[in-house]
């Protein structure tokens, strides 16, 4: 029994490169208006200083910039690709003008951010297939000399034969990948009644891969129906291929670091619209319930978090993204010395050596064998069960009274938002904004208080100052001690009032 991936309708951008028109035959299901312009997303700006967001995967440390987005509109599903192509192109054509065409006048910060955002380009495109004799194998790729060893096991996840469609985010070396998988029944003894393929891309950053989701879905269907039809993929690669630095190290310059402060209040959460279901974060929090407060603490402490789930993988990649969102901080200078909270997305046994060297990450897997590799992770999440084998972290799995208070406030704020949307037609605020801003403000509150106490004549944390952070002086004492150690507040003293838990 195959299941469909748990995902909402696609965004309204599907690209079938115009370069396929001359010469080769177009896909049977395609039309002359299949190519839609990519949205310039002029509201995507920079703002959070949480390590690990919007980062280009090369060196640079946690001070690198993060891209963020201000989600306008209610939490209805994104528009599907039934928008007429001509209309879409007309809407976006004037947005795609480059700021350099405006002459020597000073370019606005927003235009600079959009121009930077467009640098997220494609370094490889590939097709992976399942062969009944040899298993997963790389069928085709561009460029031909690209090192794609192991990508066949990322683009088709273990257990994918049980679902009809899926999508997978992953890391490959210094790049991030997105692959769309499909499983089609065929009357073929050689293929044992099923044809399985995945079409994917690699990019130096994950933040804009969502733009190509519908294109990849279209192409994997095409590959299933007409194997070997690569001309659309060739044209796509020629159109979107990345212009990497001459050093060839795959590092794409991040958004200018001096820009983030000016737009801090404009928008607060990362731009990673991974074609997620409407209300991705709210679904994540409802799925875990009060346990979300445990994940929040562990994310803020930059622990290694591994999430297990059987396929489909796409919905679990959302949980990786949401875990990262819990650790956002927007106070300048905070977190520059802590490990980046790196999203690895989907991992398999081939990633074990890479994970062994990571100090902090969040990832997901469909391979149960990872649970036995206890040295690879600090926290293992199986369905809604959050557990750890590290004695020093086990007390953090217990909810404090402050945790329950925060979760109750979060629930109340959500109910108020839903009421406002229903009664007043409020389509500006969204659950996504509410939840991400809730944790951002909580994190800022903690570090603002720590900074104030550290700069005072008596740098001692008392019960009052801990309560000012929104924490429980007794129940959160261990969490606070871990926080002070990891973020380098070694000059702070802890009052003896906090010694009893």
Protein backbone atom coordinates (compact mmCIF):
# COMPACT_ATOMS: atom_id res chain seq x y z
CA UNK A 1 0.00 0.00 0.00
CA UNK A 2 1.64 3.21 -1.12
CA UNK A 3 1.05 6.57 0.52
CA UNK A 4 1.29 10.02 -0.90
CA UNK A 5 3.63 12.53 0.67
CA UNK A 6 2.02 14.67 3.36
CA UNK A 7 2.42 18.02 1.65
CA UNK A 8 0.25 20.94 0.65
CA UNK A 9 -0.23 22.22 -2.92
CA UNK A 10 2.86 23.61 -4.59
CA UNK A 11 3.87 27.20 -4.93
CA UNK A 12 2.88 28.80 -8.21
CA UNK A 13 6.27 28.52 -9.86
CA UNK A 14 7.14 25.72 -12.23
CA UNK A 15 9.90 26.16 -14.69
CA UNK A 16 10.14 24.31 -17.98
CA UNK A 17 13.07 26.06 -19.68
CA UNK A 18 12.30 27.71 -22.98
CA UNK A 19 15.52 26.26 -24.36
CA UNK A 20 13.72 22.95 -24.86
CA UNK A 21 11.39 24.44 -27.45
CA UNK A 22 13.73 24.32 -30.41
CA UNK A 23 14.65 20.83 -31.40
CA UNK A 24 13.64 18.15 -28.91
CA UNK A 25 10.07 17.18 -28.31
CA UNK A 26 8.30 18.80 -25.41
CA UNK A 27 6.83 16.68 -22.67
CA UNK A 28 3.45 15.30 -23.54
CA UNK A 29 1.80 17.07 -20.64
CA UNK A 30 3.54 20.39 -21.22
CA UNK A 31 2.37 23.44 -23.09
CA UNK A 32 4.04 26.48 -24.50
CA UNK A 33 3.28 28.37 -21.31
CA UNK A 34 4.92 26.02 -18.86
CA UNK A 35 7.73 28.41 -17.99
CA UNK A 36 6.87 30.72 -15.16
CA UNK A 37 9.10 33.43 -13.81
CA UNK A 38 10.72 32.89 -10.47
CA UNK A 39 9.35 35.34 -7.90
CA UNK A 40 11.85 37.94 -6.85
CA UNK A 41 10.48 37.80 -3.30
CA UNK A 42 11.42 41.36 -2.58
CA UNK A 43 10.43 41.03 1.04
CA UNK A 44 13.10 38.49 1.84
CA UNK A 45 15.47 40.36 4.08
CA UNK A 46 18.11 39.66 6.64
CA UNK A 47 17.55 39.78 10.37
CA UNK A 48 18.37 36.91 12.72
CA UNK A 49 21.71 36.15 14.25
CA UNK A 50 21.00 32.51 15.02
CA UNK A 51 23.87 30.47 13.64
CA UNK A 52 22.85 28.13 10.92
CA UNK A 53 20.22 30.00 8.92
CA UNK A 54 20.53 30.97 5.30
CA UNK A 55 24.19 30.15 5.56
CA UNK A 56 26.23 29.35 2.54
CA UNK A 57 27.93 26.17 3.50
CA UNK A 58 31.50 27.31 3.23
CA UNK A 59 33.66 28.73 6.02
CA UNK A 60 32.80 31.94 7.74
CA UNK A 61 31.44 30.84 11.04
CA UNK A 62 28.25 31.75 12.80
CA UNK A 63 28.52 35.44 12.03
CA UNK A 64 27.42 34.85 8.46
CA UNK A 65 24.14 36.44 7.50
CA UNK A 66 20.75 34.81 7.46
CA UNK A 67 17.94 35.49 5.10
CA UNK A 68 14.51 36.02 6.51
CA UNK A 69 11.01 36.49 5.27
CA UNK A 70 7.90 38.33 6.25
CA UNK A 71 4.98 36.07 5.46
CA UNK A 72 2.04 38.11 4.26
CA UNK A 73 -1.29 36.42 4.03
CA UNK A 74 -3.33 33.94 6.01
CA UNK A 75 -2.33 30.38 6.51
CA UNK A 76 -4.16 29.15 3.45
CA UNK A 77 -2.25 26.74 1.21
CA UNK A 78 0.02 28.34 -1.40
CA UNK A 79 -1.41 28.92 -4.83
CA UNK A 80 -0.97 26.06 -7.26
CA UNK A 81 0.49 26.26 -10.73
CA UNK A 82 -2.86 26.85 -12.42
CA UNK A 83 -2.11 30.58 -12.69
CA UNK A 84 -1.83 31.46 -16.39
CA UNK A 85 1.80 31.77 -17.35
CA UNK A 86 1.33 35.03 -19.14
CA UNK A 87 -0.24 36.62 -16.09
CA UNK A 88 2.53 35.41 -13.82
CA UNK A 89 5.23 36.69 -16.15
CA UNK A 90 3.55 40.05 -16.36
CA UNK A 91 3.37 40.31 -12.60
CA UNK A 92 7.04 39.48 -12.11
CA UNK A 93 8.70 41.00 -15.14
CA UNK A 94 9.23 44.44 -13.66
CA UNK A 95 10.41 42.93 -10.38
CA UNK A 96 13.28 41.17 -12.05
CA UNK A 97 15.01 44.33 -13.21
CA UNK A 98 18.52 44.49 -11.78
CA UNK A 99 19.28 47.43 -9.53
CA UNK A 100 22.41 48.14 -11.58
CA UNK A 101 20.18 49.36 -14.41
CA UNK A 102 19.01 52.26 -12.31
CA UNK A 103 22.30 54.10 -12.67
CA UNK A 104 24.71 55.35 -10.02
CA UNK A 105 21.99 56.16 -7.50
CA UNK A 106 22.29 54.45 -4.14
CA UNK A 107 20.55 51.10 -4.22
CA UNK A 108 18.05 50.47 -1.45
CA UNK A 109 18.81 47.87 1.19
CA UNK A 110 15.82 45.81 0.06
CA UNK A 111 17.06 45.74 -3.54
CA UNK A 112 20.52 44.75 -2.33
CA UNK A 113 19.05 41.84 -0.42
CA UNK A 114 17.02 40.65 -3.40
CA UNK A 115 20.07 40.89 -5.63
CA UNK A 116 22.04 38.83 -3.13
CA UNK A 117 19.25 36.31 -2.79
CA UNK A 118 19.32 35.58 -6.52
CA UNK A 119 22.89 34.31 -6.20
CA UNK A 120 21.51 31.05 -4.87
CA UNK A 121 22.10 29.03 -8.02
CA UNK A 122 22.40 25.45 -9.16
CA UNK A 123 25.73 23.61 -9.24
CA UNK A 124 24.39 20.25 -10.41
CA UNK A 125 21.27 18.51 -11.69
CA UNK A 126 20.89 14.75 -11.68
CA UNK A 127 18.60 11.75 -12.14
CA UNK A 128 18.72 8.76 -9.80
CA UNK A 129 16.97 5.47 -10.51
CA UNK A 130 16.35 2.20 -8.72
CA UNK A 131 17.75 -0.80 -10.56
CA UNK A 132 16.39 -4.20 -9.52
CA UNK A 133 19.86 -5.75 -9.86
CA UNK A 134 22.19 -3.07 -8.51
CA UNK A 135 19.89 -0.97 -6.32
CA UNK A 136 20.00 2.84 -6.32
CA UNK A 137 22.21 4.24 -9.05
CA UNK A 138 23.07 7.58 -10.61
CA UNK A 139 21.53 7.54 -14.07
CA UNK A 140 22.50 10.96 -15.45
CA UNK A 141 23.98 14.24 -14.25
CA UNK A 142 25.39 17.61 -15.22
CA UNK A 143 28.15 18.57 -15.05
CA UNK A 144 29.62 15.21 -15.93
CA UNK A 145 32.66 15.66 -13.67
CA UNK A 146 30.63 16.56 -10.56
CA UNK A 147 31.40 14.40 -7.53
CA UNK A 148 28.00 12.89 -6.74
CA UNK A 149 29.14 9.79 -4.94
CA UNK A 150 26.45 8.69 -2.51
CA UNK A 151 23.77 11.06 -3.82
CA UNK A 152 21.81 8.05 -5.10
CA UNK A 153 21.12 7.05 -1.48
CA UNK A 154 20.05 10.57 -0.52
CA UNK A 155 17.73 11.21 -3.46
CA UNK A 156 15.92 7.89 -2.92
CA UNK A 157 15.62 7.37 0.82
CA UNK A 158 15.60 3.99 2.47
CA UNK A 159 12.02 2.73 2.50
CA UNK A 160 10.82 5.02 -0.31
CA UNK A 161 9.32 2.05 -2.17
CA UNK A 162 6.42 2.29 0.27
CA UNK A 163 5.32 5.75 -0.93
CA UNK A 164 4.24 7.00 -4.34
CA UNK A 165 5.79 10.48 -4.15
CA UNK A 166 8.12 12.31 -1.82
CA UNK A 167 10.69 15.08 -1.68
CA UNK A 168 13.96 15.15 0.21
CA UNK A 169 16.30 17.88 1.43
CA UNK A 170 19.85 16.79 2.15
CA UNK A 171 23.49 17.86 2.29
CA UNK A 172 26.17 16.64 -0.06
CA UNK A 173 29.62 17.84 0.95
CA UNK A 174 29.55 21.63 0.93
CA UNK A 175 26.25 21.76 -0.97
CA UNK A 176 22.57 21.34 -0.21
CA UNK A 177 20.26 19.26 -2.32
CA UNK A 178 16.59 18.88 -3.10
CA UNK A 179 15.26 15.81 -4.88
CA UNK A 180 11.73 14.82 -5.89
CA UNK A 181 10.95 11.12 -5.90
CA UNK A 182 8.16 9.24 -7.65
CA UNK A 183 7.16 5.60 -7.83
CA UNK A 184 5.08 4.41 -10.79
CA UNK A 185 3.57 0.97 -11.38
CA UNK A 186 4.63 -0.58 -14.69
CA UNK A 187 3.91 -3.85 -16.45
CA UNK A 188 7.50 -5.01 -16.59
CA UNK A 189 9.01 -8.18 -15.19
CA UNK A 190 12.49 -6.64 -15.39
CA UNK A 191 11.43 -3.72 -13.18
CA UNK A 192 9.37 -6.00 -10.93
CA UNK A 193 6.21 -4.00 -11.51
CA UNK A 194 7.52 -0.64 -10.27
CA UNK A 195 9.69 2.13 -11.71
CA UNK A 196 11.28 4.46 -9.16
CA UNK A 197 13.25 7.58 -9.97
CA UNK A 198 14.29 10.84 -8.37
CA UNK A 199 15.32 14.12 -10.00
CA UNK A 200 17.40 16.50 -7.92
CA UNK A 201 19.61 19.56 -7.78
CA UNK A 202 22.51 20.84 -5.67
CA UNK A 203 23.08 24.42 -4.55
CA UNK A 204 25.50 26.21 -2.20
CA UNK A 205 22.55 27.20 0.01
CA UNK A 206 19.20 25.63 0.86
CA UNK A 207 17.14 28.80 1.21
CA UNK A 208 15.88 29.03 -2.36
CA UNK A 209 15.68 25.41 -3.40
CA UNK A 210 11.92 25.59 -2.91
CA UNK A 211 11.68 27.62 -6.11
CA UNK A 212 12.48 24.54 -8.14
CA UNK A 213 10.19 22.09 -6.36
CA UNK A 214 7.44 22.00 -8.96
CA UNK A 215 9.96 21.82 -11.80
CA UNK A 216 11.58 18.76 -10.21
CA UNK A 217 8.20 17.12 -9.63
CA UNK A 218 7.30 17.66 -13.26
CA UNK A 219 10.63 16.28 -14.41
CA UNK A 220 10.49 13.12 -12.31
CA UNK A 221 7.07 12.35 -13.76
CA UNK A 222 8.53 12.90 -17.20
CA UNK A 223 11.45 10.58 -16.42
CA UNK A 224 9.06 7.86 -15.31
CA UNK A 225 6.90 8.17 -18.40
CA UNK A 226 9.71 8.81 -20.91
CA UNK A 227 13.03 7.60 -19.47
CA UNK A 228 16.11 9.24 -20.94
CA UNK A 229 14.42 12.53 -21.88
CA UNK A 230 17.07 14.87 -20.47
CA UNK A 231 16.77 17.96 -22.69
CA UNK A 232 14.63 19.97 -20.20
CA UNK A 233 17.17 19.22 -17.46
CA UNK A 234 20.07 20.22 -19.71
CA UNK A 235 18.37 23.52 -20.55
CA UNK A 236 17.52 24.11 -16.90
CA UNK A 237 21.14 23.61 -15.85
CA UNK A 238 22.46 25.95 -18.54
CA UNK A 239 19.99 28.59 -17.43
CA UNK A 240 20.53 28.24 -13.67
CA UNK A 241 24.12 27.08 -13.35
CA UNK A 242 26.00 28.80 -10.56
CA UNK A 243 28.93 31.12 -11.12
CA UNK A 244 31.16 30.02 -8.29
CA UNK A 245 34.32 31.83 -7.15
CA UNK A 246 37.52 31.06 -9.11
CA UNK A 247 38.87 29.10 -6.15
CA UNK A 248 36.29 26.43 -6.90
CA UNK A 249 35.60 25.84 -3.22
CA UNK A 250 31.87 26.13 -3.71
CA UNK A 251 31.50 29.07 -1.35
CA UNK A 252 28.95 31.71 -2.28
CA UNK A 253 29.26 35.06 -0.56
CA UNK A 254 26.59 35.56 2.06
CA UNK A 255 24.42 38.61 2.42
CA UNK A 256 26.46 41.64 3.64
CA UNK A 257 26.89 41.36 7.38
CA UNK A 258 26.41 45.07 7.95
CA UNK A 259 22.93 44.97 6.45
CA UNK A 260 21.15 42.84 9.00
CA UNK A 261 20.87 45.38 11.79
CA UNK A 262 19.03 47.91 9.65
CA UNK A 263 16.26 45.49 8.82
CA UNK A 264 16.03 43.69 12.13
CA UNK A 265 12.52 44.88 12.86
CA UNK A 266 11.28 44.38 9.32
CA UNK A 267 11.17 40.63 9.48
CA UNK A 268 12.37 38.06 11.93
CA UNK A 269 12.35 34.52 10.69
CA UNK A 270 14.44 32.72 8.09
CA UNK A 271 13.56 32.55 4.43
CA UNK A 272 13.30 28.86 3.88
CA UNK A 273 9.97 28.38 2.19
CA UNK A 274 10.49 24.71 1.51
CA UNK A 275 7.06 24.50 -0.09
CA UNK A 276 5.88 23.65 3.37
CA UNK A 277 2.23 23.02 4.22
CA UNK A 278 0.37 26.11 5.33
CA UNK A 279 1.13 26.49 9.02
CA UNK A 280 4.22 24.28 8.95
CA UNK A 281 5.40 25.54 12.33
CA UNK A 282 1.97 25.29 13.92
CA UNK A 283 1.64 21.69 12.74
CA UNK A 284 5.09 20.99 14.16
CA UNK A 285 4.14 22.40 17.56
CA UNK A 286 0.78 20.65 17.65
CA UNK A 287 2.54 17.38 16.77
CA UNK A 288 4.94 17.63 19.71
CA UNK A 289 2.66 19.47 22.12
CA UNK A 290 4.40 20.56 25.33
CA UNK A 291 7.48 18.62 24.22
CA UNK A 292 8.20 21.56 21.95
CA UNK A 293 9.62 23.33 24.99
CA UNK A 294 12.11 20.49 25.49
CA UNK A 295 13.19 20.73 21.85
CA UNK A 296 13.46 24.51 22.21
CA UNK A 297 15.96 24.20 25.07
CA UNK A 298 18.00 21.54 23.30
CA UNK A 299 18.10 23.59 20.11
CA UNK A 300 19.21 26.68 22.04
CA UNK A 301 21.96 24.58 23.65
CA UNK A 302 23.09 23.56 20.15
CA UNK A 303 22.74 19.84 20.83
CA UNK A 304 22.97 17.18 18.13
CA UNK A 305 19.36 16.27 17.36
CA UNK A 306 18.43 13.30 15.18
CA UNK A 307 14.81 12.75 14.16
CA UNK A 308 13.70 9.28 13.07
CA UNK A 309 10.63 8.61 10.97
CA UNK A 310 9.66 6.19 8.22
CA UNK A 311 8.96 7.69 4.77
CA UNK A 312 7.69 10.04 3.49
CA UNK A 313 10.79 12.11 4.25
CA UNK A 314 9.51 15.53 3.17
CA UNK A 315 7.35 16.15 6.23
CA UNK A 316 10.29 15.19 8.48
CA UNK A 317 12.52 17.71 6.68
CA UNK A 318 9.96 20.28 7.85
CA UNK A 319 10.64 19.22 11.41
CA UNK A 320 14.36 19.74 10.90
CA UNK A 321 13.63 23.24 9.63
CA UNK A 322 11.26 23.96 12.52
CA UNK A 323 13.81 22.80 15.10
CA UNK A 324 16.26 25.32 13.67
CA UNK A 325 13.64 28.05 13.93
CA UNK A 326 13.45 27.53 17.69
CA UNK A 327 17.02 28.76 18.14
CA UNK A 328 16.73 32.18 16.48
CA UNK A 329 18.43 35.11 18.24
CA UNK A 330 18.49 38.67 16.94
CA UNK A 331 20.74 40.38 19.50
CA UNK A 332 24.01 41.54 17.88
CA UNK A 333 27.04 39.56 18.94
CA UNK A 334 25.17 36.82 20.78
CA UNK A 335 26.03 33.31 19.66
CA UNK A 336 29.09 34.15 17.57
CA UNK A 337 31.25 31.77 19.60
CA UNK A 338 28.86 28.80 19.74
CA UNK A 339 28.71 26.01 17.15
CA UNK A 340 26.42 26.60 14.21
CA UNK A 341 23.13 24.74 14.53
CA UNK A 342 23.54 23.07 11.16
CA UNK A 343 20.54 21.60 9.36
CA UNK A 344 21.65 18.37 7.69
CA UNK A 345 18.12 17.37 6.70
CA UNK A 346 18.01 13.74 5.51
CA UNK A 347 20.95 11.53 6.45
CA UNK A 348 21.74 7.84 5.95
CA UNK A 349 24.52 5.45 6.94
CA UNK A 350 26.83 7.03 4.37
CA UNK A 351 26.75 10.24 6.47
CA UNK A 352 28.03 8.63 9.64
CA UNK A 353 31.62 9.81 9.17
CA UNK A 354 30.43 13.38 8.53
CA UNK A 355 28.17 13.42 11.58
CA UNK A 356 31.00 12.15 13.78
CA UNK A 357 32.78 15.46 13.27
CA UNK A 358 29.77 17.72 13.91
CA UNK A 359 29.46 19.57 17.22
CA UNK A 360 25.89 20.69 16.59
CA UNK A 361 23.27 19.72 14.03
CA UNK A 362 19.68 18.68 13.46
CA UNK A 363 18.90 15.95 10.93
CA UNK A 364 16.35 13.30 10.08
CA UNK A 365 16.63 9.70 8.92
CA UNK A 366 14.51 6.72 7.93
CA UNK A 367 17.15 4.23 9.05
CA UNK A 368 16.48 2.75 12.47
CA UNK A 369 20.10 1.59 12.82
CA UNK A 370 21.02 5.16 13.78
CA UNK A 371 19.41 4.69 17.18
CA UNK A 372 22.19 2.27 18.05
CA UNK A 373 24.89 4.82 17.08
CA UNK A 374 24.61 6.68 20.36
CA UNK A 375 27.89 8.53 19.89
CA UNK A 376 26.47 10.32 16.83
CA UNK A 377 23.72 12.26 18.58
CA UNK A 378 22.77 13.85 21.88
CA UNK A 379 19.01 13.62 21.41
CA UNK A 380 16.99 11.02 19.49
CA UNK A 381 13.43 11.85 18.45
CA UNK A 382 11.24 8.90 17.50
CA UNK A 383 7.74 10.03 16.57
CA UNK A 384 6.79 12.23 19.57
CA UNK A 385 9.23 10.57 21.93
CA UNK A 386 12.24 12.76 22.74
CA UNK A 387 15.00 10.82 24.50
CA UNK A 388 18.68 10.98 25.33
CA UNK A 389 21.25 8.53 26.59
CA UNK A 390 23.39 11.28 28.10
CA UNK A 391 22.91 11.51 31.85
CA UNK A 392 23.72 15.22 31.89
CA UNK A 393 20.83 15.96 29.53
CA UNK A 394 18.15 13.68 30.96
CA UNK A 395 16.91 16.29 33.49
CA UNK A 396 16.31 18.68 30.57
CA UNK A 397 13.65 16.32 29.21
CA UNK A 398 11.43 17.17 32.19
CA UNK A 399 9.15 20.15 31.77
CA UNK A 400 9.48 22.96 34.29
CA UNK A 401 6.59 25.07 35.51
CA UNK A 402 7.90 27.92 33.33
CA UNK A 403 7.83 25.61 30.30
CA UNK A 404 4.17 24.85 30.84
CA UNK A 405 3.41 28.54 31.34
CA UNK A 406 5.13 29.41 28.07
CA UNK A 407 3.32 26.67 26.18
CA UNK A 408 0.00 27.86 27.59
CA UNK A 409 0.75 31.43 26.50
CA UNK A 410 1.73 30.18 23.05
CA UNK A 411 -1.55 28.30 22.75
CA UNK A 412 -3.53 31.32 23.92
CA UNK A 413 -1.81 33.60 21.42
CA UNK A 414 -2.61 31.15 18.63
CA UNK A 415 -6.28 31.07 19.65
CA UNK A 416 -6.38 34.87 19.67
CA UNK A 417 -4.81 34.97 16.22
CA UNK A 418 -7.31 32.46 14.82
CA UNK A 419 -10.17 34.47 16.32
CA UNK A 420 -8.81 37.68 14.79
CA UNK A 421 -8.50 36.02 11.40
CA UNK A 422 -12.05 34.70 11.57
CA UNK A 423 -13.79 37.75 13.02
CA UNK A 424 -11.79 40.60 11.52
CA UNK A 425 -10.49 39.07 8.31
CA UNK A 426 -6.91 39.55 9.48
CA UNK A 427 -4.84 38.20 6.59
CA UNK A 428 -1.61 39.96 7.53
CA UNK A 429 -0.68 37.97 10.62
CA UNK A 430 0.08 34.28 10.31
CA UNK A 431 0.63 31.36 12.65
CA UNK A 432 4.09 30.96 11.16
CA UNK A 433 5.06 34.47 12.22
CA UNK A 434 3.45 34.08 15.61
CA UNK A 435 5.29 30.91 16.57
CA UNK A 436 8.68 31.90 15.23
CA UNK A 437 8.50 35.35 16.79
CA UNK A 438 7.38 33.81 20.08
CA UNK A 439 10.58 31.82 20.41
CA UNK A 440 12.74 34.60 18.99
CA UNK A 441 11.42 37.00 21.63
CA UNK A 442 11.89 34.40 24.35
CA UNK A 443 15.50 33.84 23.29
CA UNK A 444 16.17 37.57 23.08
CA UNK A 445 14.67 38.01 26.54
CA UNK A 446 17.08 35.46 28.00
CA UNK A 447 20.21 36.89 26.42
CA UNK A 448 19.21 40.51 27.01
CA UNK A 449 18.84 39.75 30.71
CA UNK A 450 22.15 37.86 30.80
CA UNK A 451 23.92 40.78 29.14
CA UNK A 452 22.42 43.27 31.58
CA UNK A 453 23.41 41.19 34.60
CA UNK A 454 26.91 40.60 33.20
CA UNK A 455 27.36 44.36 32.79
CA UNK A 456 26.09 45.27 36.25
CA UNK A 457 28.29 45.97 39.30
CA UNK A 458 27.09 42.69 40.83
CA UNK A 459 27.08 40.08 38.00
CA UNK A 460 25.08 37.52 39.96
CA UNK A 461 22.06 35.67 38.63
CA UNK A 462 19.31 35.71 41.23
CA UNK A 463 15.85 34.19 41.29
CA UNK A 464 14.46 37.54 40.15
CA UNK A 465 16.75 37.79 37.15
CA UNK A 466 16.03 34.17 36.16
CA UNK A 467 12.30 34.85 36.33
CA UNK A 468 12.89 37.95 34.22
CA UNK A 469 14.21 35.59 31.53
CA UNK A 470 10.97 33.63 31.64
CA UNK A 471 12.66 30.65 33.31
CA UNK A 472 12.00 28.66 36.47
CA UNK A 473 14.74 29.42 39.06
CA UNK A 474 14.69 25.80 40.26
CA UNK A 475 13.37 23.69 37.40
CA UNK A 476 15.52 25.43 34.76
CA UNK A 477 18.72 25.68 36.80
CA UNK A 478 20.56 22.96 34.86
CA UNK A 479 19.44 24.42 31.55
CA UNK A 480 20.71 27.83 32.65
CA UNK A 481 24.11 26.43 33.71
CA UNK A 482 24.49 24.73 30.33
CA UNK A 483 23.51 27.98 28.63
CA UNK A 484 26.10 30.02 30.54
CA UNK A 485 28.82 27.54 29.67
CA UNK A 486 28.00 27.23 25.97
CA UNK A 487 27.52 30.94 25.30
CA UNK A 488 30.58 32.02 27.26
CA UNK A 489 29.01 33.89 30.20
CA UNK A 490 31.81 32.67 32.45
CA UNK A 491 31.99 35.91 34.43
CA UNK A 492 28.46 35.50 35.79
CA UNK A 493 27.91 34.13 39.26
CA UNK A 494 24.93 31.98 40.16
CA UNK A 495 23.16 32.77 43.38
CA UNK A 496 22.99 30.03 46.00
CA UNK A 497 19.23 30.51 45.89
CA UNK A 498 19.29 28.52 42.63
CA UNK A 499 21.11 25.53 44.10
CA UNK A 500 18.00 23.51 44.88
CA UNK A 501 16.09 21.92 42.03
